[in-house]
Protein backbone atom coordinates (compact mmCIF):
# COMPACT_ATOMS: atom_id res chain seq x y z
CA MET A 1 -44.34 -25.05 96.78
CA SER A 2 -42.39 -22.20 95.23
CA ARG A 3 -40.11 -22.68 92.27
CA ALA A 4 -36.97 -22.47 94.44
CA GLU A 5 -38.24 -25.17 96.69
CA GLU A 6 -39.00 -27.37 93.71
CA VAL A 7 -35.51 -26.93 92.36
CA ARG A 8 -34.00 -27.71 95.80
CA ALA A 9 -36.20 -30.87 96.14
CA SER A 10 -35.27 -31.96 92.58
CA PHE A 11 -31.55 -31.40 93.37
CA ARG A 12 -31.81 -33.45 96.66
CA LEU A 13 -33.58 -36.23 94.75
CA LEU A 14 -30.97 -36.26 92.03
CA THR A 15 -28.14 -36.23 94.61
CA ALA A 16 -29.81 -39.20 96.51
CA ILE A 17 -30.12 -41.17 93.19
CA LYS A 18 -26.42 -40.52 92.32
CA TYR A 19 -25.42 -41.56 95.94
CA CYS A 20 -27.41 -44.75 95.69
CA ALA A 21 -25.89 -45.53 92.26
CA THR A 22 -22.38 -44.93 93.66
CA LEU A 23 -23.06 -47.25 96.57
CA SER A 24 -24.44 -50.01 94.44
CA HIS A 25 -21.35 -49.73 92.18
CA MET A 26 -19.08 -49.79 95.16
CA SER A 27 -20.77 -52.70 96.77
CA ALA A 28 -20.48 -54.72 93.62
CA GLU A 29 -16.67 -54.22 93.64
CA ARG A 30 -15.92 -54.01 97.33
CA TYR A 31 -18.40 -56.16 99.17
CA ARG A 32 -19.46 -59.84 98.88
CA HIS A 33 -23.21 -60.35 99.33
CA ILE A 34 -24.59 -63.71 100.28
CA ARG A 35 -28.05 -64.56 101.60
CA SER A 36 -27.51 -63.42 105.27
CA SER A 37 -24.43 -61.34 105.28
CA VAL A 38 -22.34 -58.66 103.55
CA SER A 39 -18.59 -59.00 103.95
CA THR A 40 -15.20 -57.96 102.77
CA LEU A 41 -12.69 -60.58 103.90
CA THR A 42 -9.37 -60.48 102.18
CA TYR A 43 -6.58 -62.90 103.32
CA HIS A 44 -2.91 -63.05 102.39
CA PHE A 45 -1.43 -66.56 102.59
CA VAL A 46 2.21 -67.52 102.31
CA TRP A 47 3.53 -71.08 102.46
CA CYS A 48 6.63 -72.86 101.32
CA PRO A 49 7.72 -76.38 100.23
CA LYS A 50 9.08 -78.77 102.73
CA TYR A 51 12.58 -77.80 103.72
CA ARG A 52 12.11 -74.56 101.78
CA ARG A 53 13.46 -76.35 98.69
CA LYS A 54 13.57 -74.21 95.48
CA ILE A 55 11.34 -76.53 93.37
CA LEU A 56 8.57 -74.08 92.27
CA THR A 57 10.10 -73.28 88.91
CA GLY A 58 9.31 -73.85 85.28
CA ALA A 59 6.45 -76.28 84.54
CA ILE A 60 5.83 -76.90 88.23
CA ALA A 61 5.27 -73.14 88.84
CA ASP A 62 3.01 -72.81 85.81
CA ARG A 63 0.92 -75.90 86.76
CA LEU A 64 0.71 -74.70 90.46
CA SER A 65 -0.57 -71.37 89.25
CA THR A 66 -3.28 -73.09 87.21
CA LEU A 67 -4.21 -75.37 90.03
CA LEU A 68 -4.53 -72.47 92.43
CA HIS A 69 -6.92 -70.68 90.12
CA GLU A 70 -9.02 -73.79 89.76
CA ARG A 71 -9.19 -74.39 93.49
CA ALA A 72 -10.09 -70.83 94.14
CA ALA A 73 -12.96 -71.05 91.79
CA ALA A 74 -14.17 -74.26 93.31
CA LEU A 75 -14.05 -72.73 96.82
CA ASP A 76 -15.81 -69.52 95.64
CA LEU A 77 -12.73 -67.45 96.30
CA GLU A 78 -11.88 -64.31 94.34
CA MET A 79 -8.16 -64.33 93.64
CA VAL A 80 -6.71 -60.88 94.05
CA ALA A 81 -2.98 -61.69 93.64
CA LEU A 82 -0.73 -64.72 93.20
CA ASN A 83 3.04 -64.96 93.17
CA VAL A 84 4.83 -68.23 92.91
CA MET A 85 8.54 -67.92 93.87
CA PRO A 86 11.02 -70.77 93.71
CA ASP A 87 10.81 -71.43 97.44
CA HIS A 88 7.36 -70.02 98.50
CA VAL A 89 3.93 -68.89 97.36
CA HIS A 90 2.06 -65.70 98.05
CA LEU A 91 -1.74 -65.85 97.51
CA VAL A 92 -4.24 -63.05 98.22
CA VAL A 93 -7.91 -63.98 98.05
CA LYS A 94 -11.26 -62.48 98.93
CA ALA A 95 -13.31 -65.11 100.71
CA PRO A 96 -16.88 -65.61 101.92
CA PRO A 97 -17.45 -65.41 105.71
CA THR A 98 -18.47 -69.13 105.70
CA LEU A 99 -14.82 -70.22 105.09
CA ALA A 100 -12.22 -70.10 107.75
CA PRO A 101 -8.70 -69.22 106.79
CA GLN A 102 -7.44 -72.51 108.12
CA HIS A 103 -9.91 -74.39 105.88
CA ILE A 104 -8.74 -72.35 102.84
CA ALA A 105 -5.15 -73.05 103.50
CA ASN A 106 -5.74 -76.81 104.04
CA GLN A 107 -7.85 -77.11 100.87
CA VAL A 108 -5.45 -75.22 98.66
CA LYS A 109 -2.29 -76.93 99.99
CA GLY A 110 -3.80 -80.41 100.04
CA TYR A 111 -5.21 -80.21 96.48
CA THR A 112 -2.10 -78.72 94.90
CA ALA A 113 0.17 -81.24 96.72
CA ARG A 114 -1.88 -84.23 95.55
CA VAL A 115 -2.11 -83.22 91.92
CA LEU A 116 1.56 -81.87 91.62
CA ARG A 117 3.00 -85.05 93.19
CA ASP A 118 0.88 -87.13 90.74
CA GLU A 119 1.88 -85.19 87.67
CA PHE A 120 5.59 -84.69 88.67
CA PRO A 121 6.82 -87.96 90.18
CA HIS A 122 10.30 -86.63 91.00
CA LEU A 123 8.62 -84.47 93.62
CA ARG A 124 7.55 -87.70 95.52
CA SER A 125 11.07 -89.09 95.52
CA ARG A 126 12.70 -85.73 96.71
CA LEU A 127 10.26 -84.74 99.44
CA PRO A 128 8.24 -86.74 101.97
CA SER A 129 5.42 -84.15 101.52
CA LEU A 130 5.33 -81.26 99.16
CA TRP A 131 4.34 -78.44 101.62
CA SER A 132 5.61 -77.71 105.08
CA ARG A 133 2.88 -77.87 107.69
CA SER A 134 3.09 -74.26 108.63
CA TYR A 135 1.79 -71.19 106.69
CA TYR A 136 1.17 -67.46 107.26
CA VAL A 137 -2.16 -65.83 107.03
CA GLY A 138 -2.99 -62.19 107.46
CA SER A 139 -6.18 -60.35 106.97
CA ALA A 140 -6.35 -57.23 104.86
CA GLY A 141 -9.18 -54.73 104.72
CA HIS A 142 -10.36 -51.36 103.73
CA VAL A 143 -10.29 -49.93 107.22
CA SER A 144 -7.36 -49.79 109.62
CA THR A 145 -7.56 -51.06 113.23
CA GLU A 146 -7.09 -47.50 114.36
CA THR A 147 -10.10 -46.29 112.39
CA ILE A 148 -12.22 -49.13 113.97
CA GLN A 149 -11.06 -48.21 117.50
CA ASN A 150 -11.90 -44.56 116.89
CA TYR A 151 -15.31 -45.57 115.66
CA ILE A 152 -15.98 -47.68 118.75
CA GLU A 153 -14.83 -44.88 121.02
CA GLN A 154 -17.20 -42.46 119.21
CA GLN A 155 -20.05 -44.92 119.75
CA LYS A 156 -19.36 -45.09 123.46
CA ARG A 157 -19.55 -41.23 123.65
CA SER A 158 -22.90 -41.12 121.82
């Protein structure tokens, strides 16, 4: 092997090592690894109190924020963003693929309603239930639908 070939081989090896290090760094931030899967599932939830009452202020809002962090940790969710408004809540979480969005919403809303109504009795007298039955959930990812469609089309051509 000539000196030029050795230099090229060393350069390729160094480039491969840097690439692997970059991938492992990205995967630690971007992907969730569990025993049998790798995923990146991010959900945006929005829900509001019954009758859209503006009750999520002051101590109630602070306690709700704390409870949401606790429940997220218990469900193995990574909280990305949280915004408690007087009449609704925005919650963005990264979730494992073993949890359905419906399960997450039910767990979070049920837990927070039970604890808040116990700690703030006036909520029980004002509302028959703390949260409305409905909620919004949307998925967010690193790749757009258009990109996925283009990828699938490219696979068909190959």
